[in-house]
Amino acid sequence: MIIILFFVAHWYLSLFVQTFYLHRYAAHKMFTMNAFWEKFFFLFTYVSQGSSFLSPRAYAILHRMHHAFSDTPRDPHSPHFSSNAFTMMWKTKNIYNDVLKNRVEPEMRFEGNYPVWRLVESIGDHWVSRLVWGTFYVVFYINFATHWWMYLLLPLHFLMGPLHGAIVNWSGHKYGYQNFDNHDKSRNSLFFDFLTGGELFQNNHHKLPNRVNFGVKWWEVDPTYPVIWTLDKIGIIKLKKARA
C-alpha cells in the first residue's frame, strides 16, 4: 500500500507542477505571482519532479514553439512526424537539451518572461542530482515494496516529467474529438481528465491558449482549474481576469 500511495503522490505532484507552473505559468503567463511564490513553486517543481526535473525556461520555449508550429515539421513534439511516442520524445529531448545548453538560439518571440532560478536549474539538470533522486526511489522501494511487480513502477519514477509530456503530446494530437478547427491535429482525448490534470483537452487549449480552464463544454472537467481558482482567491496568485 505504501508503494502505491508513493507512486500516486509522485504522479500527481509531478503532474501538478507541470501543468500549473511549467505550462500555465512559465509558458503562457495565465496568472502572476510575487517573487517569493515564484521561487517557492520553482523549488517545488524540482522536488516534485525529482530525477525528471524540467527547466521552466526550456519548457516554456519548447511549448511556445509547439503552439507556433503545431503539427508541422518544426513542432518539437508532434506525433505525426515520429514513428512512435519514444522517438517523438527523444526528438523533444534533443531540442530541449540544445535550448537548455544554449547550443541553439530560439527566435526572439519565444524568449523571455519566464521564471529563471539558475541555481536550482543547474542542480536539477545535473546528472548527479538525477542519480541521487533515482537512488532515493530505489532505496524507498527496497524498504517498502512487498511484491516483485512493484519494482516495475521504478522506471516511471525516473522519467515522470517526460512521461507526462509523452502521454499528452501523443494522445492529445492523435486520439479523441475536436470542438474547434484549429488547422492542426489537436484532439480532446478525455471528457474527465483526471489522469493528466486537464492537459488532454489539447484541442480546446490550442484554440484558446490563454484560457485558464482547459475545459470548454460543461461536461469537460479540468481538475487543475479549481486549484488555480482557489490559489487566486487566497492571494497566492493573481489571475489575469481578461483571460480567465
Foldseek 3Di string as FASTA:
>chain_A
DVLVVVLVQLLVLLLLLCVPALAQPFQQNQWFFDPVLNVVSLVSNCVSLFLQRADSQLSNLLVVQCLVQPAHPSNLAAPVVDPALVRRLVSNVVSSVCVVVVVDDGDPVSDDDGDDDPVSVVLSPDNVRSVVSLVVLVVVCVVDPDDPCSVVCSVCSSNVNSVLVSCLNHCQQPDADAPDPLVGRGHQHDLEPPSNQLSSLRNQCSVQVSALRSDDDPSRDRPSSVVVVVCCVVPRIPGPVVRD
